[in-house]
Structure formats: C-alpha cells, structure tokens
Amino acid sequence: QSSPIYWAEGLKGALLICHGMMDTNVNFQDTVRLVQRLIELAKENWEVAIYPVENHSFRTTSSWLDEYRRIFKLFETNLKGK
C-alpha cells in the first residue's frame, strides 16, 4: 500500500503531480489511476503535469524549467506567508 492512490481520500491542501511518460521506474498508468481517483473523490486544488519525452529523471532543460515553475507557483500560492 505504498501507492499514493491509497492515500488520495485523505488529501488535504495542494498537490502537484509531475510525471514523465517514458518513466520505466513508476508506470505512467499509476498516475492515470491516481488522477482518476482524485476526480472520483471530487478533490480540488491539485494539478497534473505530463512530460511526454521524460523518463524518471528529467533530462531536458525545458521540462526542468516547467517543473520548477510549477513547484514555485505551488509554494507561492499555498505556503507563502503561513
């Protein structure tokens, strides 16, 4: 039960899911299942970012920049001033 899908019901706060579609460590289908579960639970304040050419370790600069921009936005929106 290490999959995040088992913990989706208890999600509070913001969630950013970043996943490379070429990942051979964590199957992309696991992210699809988690997203579907969040939808079924009517959870709010979550976002998924899909990186079609990335593996488990991102390699392209554009993917890194996009991921870090999203992380920064999440921090600014949810943690700043708390």
PDB file of N, CA and C in Angstrom:
ATOM      1  N   GLN A   1       0.818  -1.201   0.000  1.00  0.00           N
ATOM      2  CA  GLN A   1       0.000   0.000   0.000  1.00  0.00           C
ATOM      3  C   GLN A   1       0.856   1.256   0.000  1.00  0.00           C
ATOM      4  N   SER A   2       1.948   1.217  -0.719  1.00  0.00           N
ATOM      5  CA  SER A   2       2.806   2.399  -0.796  1.00  0.00           C
ATOM      6  C   SER A   2       2.355   3.369  -1.881  1.00  0.00           C
ATOM      7  N   SER A   3       1.429   2.955  -2.717  1.00  0.00           N
ATOM      8  CA  SER A   3       0.948   3.820  -3.790  1.00  0.00           C
ATOM      9  C   SER A   3       0.146   4.989  -3.224  1.00  0.00           C
ATOM     10  N   PRO A   4       0.333   6.181  -3.775  1.00  0.00           N
ATOM     11  CA  PRO A   4      -0.440   7.345  -3.320  1.00  0.00           C
ATOM     12  C   PRO A   4      -1.947   7.175  -3.497  1.00  0.00           C
ATOM     13  N   ILE A   5      -2.358   6.280  -4.366  1.00  0.00           N
ATOM     14  CA  ILE A   5      -3.795   6.096  -4.595  1.00  0.00           C
ATOM     15  C   ILE A   5      -4.513   5.679  -3.311  1.00  0.00           C
ATOM     16  N   TYR A   6      -3.814   4.972  -2.431  1.00  0.00           N
ATOM     17  CA  TYR A   6      -4.416   4.542  -1.171  1.00  0.00           C
ATOM     18  C   TYR A   6      -4.584   5.692  -0.182  1.00  0.00           C
ATOM     19  N   TRP A   7      -3.918   6.790  -0.431  1.00  0.00           N
ATOM     20  CA  TRP A   7      -3.962   7.941   0.465  1.00  0.00           C
ATOM     21  C   TRP A   7      -4.756   9.106  -0.131  1.00  0.00           C
ATOM     22  N   ALA A   8      -5.290   8.933  -1.320  1.00  0.00           N
ATOM     23  CA  ALA A   8      -5.973  10.023  -2.025  1.00  0.00           C
ATOM     24  C   ALA A   8      -7.159  10.572  -1.239  1.00  0.00           C
ATOM     25  N   GLU A   9      -7.881   9.714  -0.580  1.00  0.00           N
ATOM     26  CA  GLU A   9      -9.066  10.158   0.152  1.00  0.00           C
ATOM     27  C   GLU A   9      -8.711  11.153   1.253  1.00  0.00           C
ATOM     28  N   GLY A  10      -7.559  11.004   1.859  1.00  0.00           N
ATOM     29  CA  GLY A  10      -7.153  11.884   2.945  1.00  0.00           C
ATOM     30  C   GLY A  10      -6.420  13.139   2.502  1.00  0.00           C
ATOM     31  N   LEU A  11      -6.335  13.368   1.200  1.00  0.00           N
ATOM     32  CA  LEU A  11      -5.608  14.532   0.693  1.00  0.00           C
ATOM     33  C   LEU A  11      -6.216  15.830   1.201  1.00  0.00           C
ATOM     34  N   LYS A  12      -5.355  16.646   1.787  1.00  0.00           N
ATOM     35  CA  LYS A  12      -5.737  17.992   2.219  1.00  0.00           C
ATOM     36  C   LYS A  12      -4.680  18.932   1.677  1.00  0.00           C
ATOM     37  N   GLY A  13      -5.084  20.084   1.237  1.00  0.00           N
ATOM     38  CA  GLY A  13      -4.115  21.024   0.689  1.00  0.00           C
ATOM     39  C   GLY A  13      -3.865  20.774  -0.781  1.00  0.00           C
ATOM     40  N   ALA A  14      -2.759  21.326  -1.253  1.00  0.00           N
ATOM     41  CA  ALA A  14      -2.440  21.291  -2.681  1.00  0.00           C
ATOM     42  C   ALA A  14      -1.588  20.078  -3.035  1.00  0.00           C
ATOM     43  N   LEU A  15      -1.736  19.634  -4.275  1.00  0.00           N
ATOM     44  CA  LEU A  15      -0.943  18.517  -4.780  1.00  0.00           C
ATOM     45  C   LEU A  15      -0.523  18.814  -6.213  1.00  0.00           C
ATOM     46  N   LEU A  16       0.746  18.643  -6.486  1.00  0.00           N
ATOM     47  CA  LEU A  16       1.285  18.747  -7.841  1.00  0.00           C
ATOM     48  C   LEU A  16       1.856  17.389  -8.216  1.00  0.00           C
ATOM     49  N   ILE A  17       1.348  16.817  -9.289  1.00  0.00           N
ATOM     50  CA  ILE A  17       1.829  15.536  -9.797  1.00  0.00           C
ATOM     51  C   ILE A  17       2.588  15.815 -11.090  1.00  0.00           C
ATOM     52  N   CYS A  18       3.868  15.479 -11.125  1.00  0.00           N
ATOM     53  CA  CYS A  18       4.693  15.625 -12.329  1.00  0.00           C
ATOM     54  C   CYS A  18       5.168  14.235 -12.732  1.00  0.00           C
ATOM     55  N   HIS A  19       4.916  13.867 -13.991  1.00  0.00           N
ATOM     56  CA  HIS A  19       5.272  12.505 -14.399  1.00  0.00           C
ATOM     57  C   HIS A  19       5.743  12.479 -15.841  1.00  0.00           C
ATOM     58  N   GLY A  20       6.880  11.839 -16.048  1.00  0.00           N
ATOM     59  CA  GLY A  20       7.381  11.601 -17.397  1.00  0.00           C
ATOM     60  C   GLY A  20       6.743  10.347 -17.972  1.00  0.00           C
ATOM     61  N   MET A  21       6.235  10.443 -19.181  1.00  0.00           N
ATOM     62  CA  MET A  21       5.542   9.309 -19.792  1.00  0.00           C
ATOM     63  C   MET A  21       6.474   8.152 -20.141  1.00  0.00           C
ATOM     64  N   MET A  22       7.760   8.414 -20.249  1.00  0.00           N
ATOM     65  CA  MET A  22       8.723   7.374 -20.598  1.00  0.00           C
ATOM     66  C   MET A  22       9.329   6.720 -19.349  1.00  0.00           C
ATOM     67  N   ASP A  23       8.789   7.042 -18.193  1.00  0.00           N
ATOM     68  CA  ASP A  23       9.299   6.536 -16.918  1.00  0.00           C
ATOM     69  C   ASP A  23       9.208   5.008 -16.876  1.00  0.00           C
ATOM     70  N   THR A  24      10.337   4.359 -16.632  1.00  0.00           N
ATOM     71  CA  THR A  24      10.351   2.901 -16.507  1.00  0.00           C
ATOM     72  C   THR A  24      10.422   2.459 -15.043  1.00  0.00           C
ATOM     73  N   ASN A  25      10.486   3.424 -14.135  1.00  0.00           N
ATOM     74  CA  ASN A  25      10.530   3.140 -12.706  1.00  0.00           C
ATOM     75  C   ASN A  25       9.122   3.174 -12.110  1.00  0.00           C
ATOM     76  N   VAL A  26       8.387   4.221 -12.417  1.00  0.00           N
ATOM     77  CA  VAL A  26       6.997   4.365 -11.974  1.00  0.00           C
ATOM     78  C   VAL A  26       6.138   4.385 -13.235  1.00  0.00           C
ATOM     79  N   ASN A  27       5.257   3.418 -13.369  1.00  0.00           N
ATOM     80  CA  ASN A  27       4.430   3.333 -14.571  1.00  0.00           C
ATOM     81  C   ASN A  27       3.517   4.545 -14.701  1.00  0.00           C
ATOM     82  N   PHE A  28       3.433   5.070 -15.911  1.00  0.00           N
ATOM     83  CA  PHE A  28       2.570   6.221 -16.160  1.00  0.00           C
ATOM     84  C   PHE A  28       1.119   5.898 -15.808  1.00  0.00           C
ATOM     85  N   GLN A  29       0.729   4.657 -16.007  1.00  0.00           N
ATOM     86  CA  GLN A  29      -0.632   4.237 -15.685  1.00  0.00           C
ATOM     87  C   GLN A  29      -0.954   4.470 -14.205  1.00  0.00           C
ATOM     88  N   ASP A  30       0.034   4.422 -13.332  1.00  0.00           N
ATOM     89  CA  ASP A  30      -0.193   4.705 -11.911  1.00  0.00           C
ATOM     90  C   ASP A  30      -0.661   6.141 -11.707  1.00  0.00           C
ATOM     91  N   THR A  31      -0.083   7.062 -12.460  1.00  0.00           N
ATOM     92  CA  THR A  31      -0.511   8.460 -12.380  1.00  0.00           C
ATOM     93  C   THR A  31      -1.922   8.612 -12.919  1.00  0.00           C
ATOM     94  N   VAL A  32      -2.221   7.923 -14.008  1.00  0.00           N
ATOM     95  CA  VAL A  32      -3.571   7.970 -14.577  1.00  0.00           C
ATOM     96  C   VAL A  32      -4.585   7.482 -13.547  1.00  0.00           C
ATOM     97  N   ARG A  33      -4.274   6.398 -12.876  1.00  0.00           N
ATOM     98  CA  ARG A  33      -5.187   5.863 -11.852  1.00  0.00           C
ATOM     99  C   ARG A  33      -5.361   6.837 -10.687  1.00  0.00           C
ATOM    100  N   LEU A  34      -4.271   7.465 -10.265  1.00  0.00           N
ATOM    101  CA  LEU A  34      -4.355   8.437  -9.174  1.00  0.00           C
ATOM    102  C   LEU A  34      -5.211   9.627  -9.579  1.00  0.00           C
ATOM    103  N   VAL A  35      -5.000  10.136 -10.778  1.00  0.00           N
ATOM    104  CA  VAL A  35      -5.800  11.266 -11.264  1.00  0.00           C
ATOM    105  C   VAL A  35      -7.276  10.883 -11.309  1.00  0.00           C
ATOM    106  N   GLN A  36      -7.574   9.699 -11.810  1.00  0.00           N
ATOM    107  CA  GLN A  36      -8.964   9.251 -11.859  1.00  0.00           C
ATOM    108  C   GLN A  36      -9.558   9.170 -10.455  1.00  0.00           C
ATOM    109  N   ARG A  37      -8.785   8.699  -9.507  1.00  0.00           N
ATOM    110  CA  ARG A  37      -9.265   8.603  -8.118  1.00  0.00           C
ATOM    111  C   ARG A  37      -9.539   9.987  -7.538  1.00  0.00           C
ATOM    112  N   LEU A  38      -8.668  10.938  -7.811  1.00  0.00           N
ATOM    113  CA  LEU A  38      -8.888  12.310  -7.336  1.00  0.00           C
ATOM    114  C   LEU A  38     -10.169  12.890  -7.926  1.00  0.00           C
ATOM    115  N   ILE A  39     -10.425  12.586  -9.190  1.00  0.00           N
ATOM    116  CA  ILE A  39     -11.660  13.038  -9.837  1.00  0.00           C
ATOM    117  C   ILE A  39     -12.868  12.387  -9.170  1.00  0.00           C
ATOM    118  N   GLU A  40     -12.800  11.085  -8.955  1.00  0.00           N
ATOM    119  CA  GLU A  40     -13.905  10.364  -8.310  1.00  0.00           C
ATOM    120  C   GLU A  40     -14.197  10.901  -6.919  1.00  0.00           C
ATOM    121  N   LEU A  41     -13.161  11.295  -6.203  1.00  0.00           N
ATOM    122  CA  LEU A  41     -13.322  11.828  -4.848  1.00  0.00           C
ATOM    123  C   LEU A  41     -13.687  13.306  -4.839  1.00  0.00           C
ATOM    124  N   ALA A  42     -13.783  13.912  -6.022  1.00  0.00           N
ATOM    125  CA  ALA A  42     -14.093  15.339  -6.172  1.00  0.00           C
ATOM    126  C   ALA A  42     -13.099  16.211  -5.407  1.00  0.00           C
ATOM    127  N   LYS A  43     -11.832  15.792  -5.413  1.00  0.00           N
ATOM    128  CA  LYS A  43     -10.786  16.573  -4.756  1.00  0.00           C
ATOM    129  C   LYS A  43     -10.500  17.829  -5.567  1.00  0.00           C
ATOM    130  N   GLU A  44     -10.138  18.881  -4.872  1.00  0.00           N
ATOM    131  CA  GLU A  44      -9.805  20.150  -5.512  1.00  0.00           C
ATOM    132  C   GLU A  44      -8.361  20.503  -5.192  1.00  0.00           C
ATOM    133  N   ASN A  45      -7.859  21.504  -5.860  1.00  0.00           N
ATOM    134  CA  ASN A  45      -6.530  22.055  -5.588  1.00  0.00           C
ATOM    135  C   ASN A  45      -5.412  21.061  -5.879  1.00  0.00           C
ATOM    136  N   TRP A  46      -5.517  20.394  -7.012  1.00  0.00           N
ATOM    137  CA  TRP A  46      -4.448  19.520  -7.471  1.00  0.00           C
ATOM    138  C   TRP A  46      -4.219  19.781  -8.952  1.00  0.00           C
ATOM    139  N   GLU A  47      -3.039  19.429  -9.390  1.00  0.00           N
ATOM    140  CA  GLU A  47      -2.644  19.666 -10.776  1.00  0.00           C
ATOM    141  C   GLU A  47      -1.749  18.518 -11.224  1.00  0.00           C
ATOM    142  N   VAL A  48      -1.876  18.149 -12.483  1.00  0.00           N
ATOM    143  CA  VAL A  48      -1.007  17.119 -13.047  1.00  0.00           C
ATOM    144  C   VAL A  48      -0.269  17.715 -14.243  1.00  0.00           C
ATOM    145  N   ALA A  49       1.028  17.454 -14.298  1.00  0.00           N
ATOM    146  CA  ALA A  49       1.864  17.900 -15.413  1.00  0.00           C
ATOM    147  C   ALA A  49       2.486  16.662 -16.052  1.00  0.00           C
ATOM    148  N   ILE A  50       2.225  16.490 -17.322  1.00  0.00           N
ATOM    149  CA  ILE A  50       2.707  15.330 -18.068  1.00  0.00           C
ATOM    150  C   ILE A  50       3.866  15.766 -18.951  1.00  0.00           C
ATOM    151  N   TYR A  51       4.932  14.994 -18.914  1.00  0.00           N
ATOM    152  CA  TYR A  51       6.124  15.287 -19.713  1.00  0.00           C
ATOM    153  C   TYR A  51       6.349  14.118 -20.675  1.00  0.00           C
ATOM    154  N   PRO A  52       5.898  14.254 -21.934  1.00  0.00           N
ATOM    155  CA  PRO A  52       5.896  13.140 -22.888  1.00  0.00           C
ATOM    156  C   PRO A  52       7.262  12.533 -23.193  1.00  0.00           C
ATOM    157  N   VAL A  53       8.332  13.313 -23.160  1.00  0.00           N
ATOM    158  CA  VAL A  53       9.647  12.781 -23.559  1.00  0.00           C
ATOM    159  C   VAL A  53      10.546  12.469 -22.370  1.00  0.00           C
ATOM    160  N   GLU A  54      10.028  12.586 -21.159  1.00  0.00           N
ATOM    161  CA  GLU A  54      10.867  12.398 -19.975  1.00  0.00           C
ATOM    162  C   GLU A  54      10.716  11.013 -19.364  1.00  0.00           C
ATOM    163  N   ASN A  55      11.810  10.564 -18.762  1.00  0.00           N
ATOM    164  CA  ASN A  55      11.861   9.323 -18.020  1.00  0.00           C
ATOM    165  C   ASN A  55      11.660   9.659 -16.539  1.00  0.00           C
ATOM    166  N   HIS A  56      12.139   8.821 -15.643  1.00  0.00           N
ATOM    167  CA  HIS A  56      12.015   9.086 -14.206  1.00  0.00           C
ATOM    168  C   HIS A  56      12.859  10.293 -13.795  1.00  0.00           C
ATOM    169  N   SER A  57      14.010  10.425 -14.395  1.00  0.00           N
ATOM    170  CA  SER A  57      14.879  11.591 -14.173  1.00  0.00           C
ATOM    171  C   SER A  57      14.775  12.495 -15.390  1.00  0.00           C
ATOM    172  N   PHE A  58      14.241  13.680 -15.185  1.00  0.00           N
ATOM    173  CA  PHE A  58      14.067  14.597 -16.308  1.00  0.00           C
ATOM    174  C   PHE A  58      15.418  14.979 -16.885  1.00  0.00           C
ATOM    175  N   ARG A  59      15.491  15.082 -18.197  1.00  0.00           N
ATOM    176  CA  ARG A  59      16.755  15.369 -18.871  1.00  0.00           C
ATOM    177  C   ARG A  59      16.757  16.699 -19.618  1.00  0.00           C
ATOM    178  N   THR A  60      15.607  17.109 -20.126  1.00  0.00           N
ATOM    179  CA  THR A  60      15.589  18.323 -20.943  1.00  0.00           C
ATOM    180  C   THR A  60      15.393  19.565 -20.081  1.00  0.00           C
ATOM    181  N   THR A  61      16.093  20.610 -20.464  1.00  0.00           N
ATOM    182  CA  THR A  61      16.029  21.870 -19.719  1.00  0.00           C
ATOM    183  C   THR A  61      14.610  22.412 -19.674  1.00  0.00           C
ATOM    184  N   SER A  62      13.889  22.313 -20.775  1.00  0.00           N
ATOM    185  CA  SER A  62      12.530  22.855 -20.815  1.00  0.00           C
ATOM    186  C   SER A  62      11.616  22.144 -19.817  1.00  0.00           C
ATOM    187  N   SER A  63      11.805  20.854 -19.641  1.00  0.00           N
ATOM    188  CA  SER A  63      10.997  20.117 -18.660  1.00  0.00           C
ATOM    189  C   SER A  63      11.351  20.528 -17.240  1.00  0.00           C
ATOM    190  N   TRP A  64      12.648  20.668 -16.971  1.00  0.00           N
ATOM    191  CA  TRP A  64      13.073  21.131 -15.643  1.00  0.00           C
ATOM    192  C   TRP A  64      12.475  22.490 -15.327  1.00  0.00           C
ATOM    193  N   LEU A  65      12.586  23.399 -16.280  1.00  0.00           N
ATOM    194  CA  LEU A  65      12.075  24.753 -16.052  1.00  0.00           C
ATOM    195  C   LEU A  65      10.575  24.740 -15.807  1.00  0.00           C
ATOM    196  N   ASP A  66       9.853  23.953 -16.580  1.00  0.00           N
ATOM    197  CA  ASP A  66       8.411  23.874 -16.391  1.00  0.00           C
ATOM    198  C   ASP A  66       8.074  23.294 -15.024  1.00  0.00           C
ATOM    199  N   GLU A  67       8.758  22.212 -14.666  1.00  0.00           N
ATOM    200  CA  GLU A  67       8.507  21.586 -13.364  1.00  0.00           C
ATOM    201  C   GLU A  67       8.807  22.552 -12.216  1.00  0.00           C
ATOM    202  N   TYR A  68       9.946  23.221 -12.268  1.00  0.00           N
ATOM    203  CA  TYR A  68      10.323  24.153 -11.198  1.00  0.00           C
ATOM    204  C   TYR A  68       9.393  25.358 -11.134  1.00  0.00           C
ATOM    205  N   ARG A  69       8.913  25.810 -12.299  1.00  0.00           N
ATOM    206  CA  ARG A  69       7.945  26.913 -12.318  1.00  0.00           C
ATOM    207  C   ARG A  69       6.664  26.490 -11.603  1.00  0.00           C
ATOM    208  N   ARG A  70       6.232  25.281 -11.864  1.00  0.00           N
ATOM    209  CA  ARG A  70       5.014  24.782 -11.222  1.00  0.00           C
ATOM    210  C   ARG A  70       5.201  24.605  -9.707  1.00  0.00           C
ATOM    211  N   ILE A  71       6.361  24.106  -9.304  1.00  0.00           N
ATOM    212  CA  ILE A  71       6.659  23.949  -7.878  1.00  0.00           C
ATOM    213  C   ILE A  71       6.686  25.312  -7.197  1.00  0.00           C
ATOM    214  N   PHE A  72       7.347  26.280  -7.824  1.00  0.00           N
ATOM    215  CA  PHE A  72       7.415  27.626  -7.260  1.00  0.00           C
ATOM    216  C   PHE A  72       6.015  28.216  -7.115  1.00  0.00           C
ATOM    217  N   LYS A  73       5.190  28.052  -8.141  1.00  0.00           N
ATOM    218  CA  LYS A  73       3.815  28.556  -8.092  1.00  0.00           C
ATOM    219  C   LYS A  73       3.042  27.898  -6.951  1.00  0.00           C
ATOM    220  N   LEU A  74       3.209  26.590  -6.778  1.00  0.00           N
ATOM    221  CA  LEU A  74       2.535  25.879  -5.697  1.00  0.00           C
ATOM    222  C   LEU A  74       2.968  26.436  -4.340  1.00  0.00           C
ATOM    223  N   PHE A  75       4.276  26.654  -4.171  1.00  0.00           N
ATOM    224  CA  PHE A  75       4.781  27.217  -2.920  1.00  0.00           C
ATOM    225  C   PHE A  75       4.253  28.626  -2.699  1.00  0.00           C
ATOM    226  N   GLU A  76       4.300  29.450  -3.729  1.00  0.00           N
ATOM    227  CA  GLU A  76       3.822  30.831  -3.613  1.00  0.00           C
ATOM    228  C   GLU A  76       2.342  30.873  -3.242  1.00  0.00           C
ATOM    229  N   THR A  77       1.570  30.029  -3.859  1.00  0.00           N
ATOM    230  CA  THR A  77       0.126  30.031  -3.653  1.00  0.00           C
ATOM    231  C   THR A  77      -0.278  29.433  -2.310  1.00  0.00           C
ATOM    232  N   ASN A  78       0.433  28.412  -1.876  1.00  0.00           N
ATOM    233  CA  ASN A  78      -0.036  27.641  -0.720  1.00  0.00           C
ATOM    234  C   ASN A  78       0.794  27.767   0.549  1.00  0.00           C
ATOM    235  N   LEU A  79       2.034  28.218   0.432  1.00  0.00           N
ATOM    236  CA  LEU A  79       2.894  28.251   1.612  1.00  0.00           C
ATOM    237  C   LEU A  79       3.356  29.643   2.016  1.00  0.00           C
ATOM    238  N   LYS A  80       3.397  30.557   1.082  1.00  0.00           N
ATOM    239  CA  LYS A  80       3.920  31.887   1.369  1.00  0.00           C
ATOM    240  C   LYS A  80       3.064  32.579   2.428  1.00  0.00           C
ATOM    241  N   GLY A  81       3.719  33.089   3.421  1.00  0.00           N
ATOM    242  CA  GLY A  81       3.029  33.833   4.461  1.00  0.00           C
ATOM    243  C   GLY A  81       2.380  32.978   5.530  1.00  0.00           C
ATOM    244  N   LYS A  82       2.605  31.681   5.488  1.00  0.00           N
ATOM    245  CA  LYS A  82       1.994  30.815   6.515  1.00  0.00           C
ATOM    246  C   LYS A  82       2.989  30.506   7.596  1.00  0.00           C
TER     247      LYS A  82
END
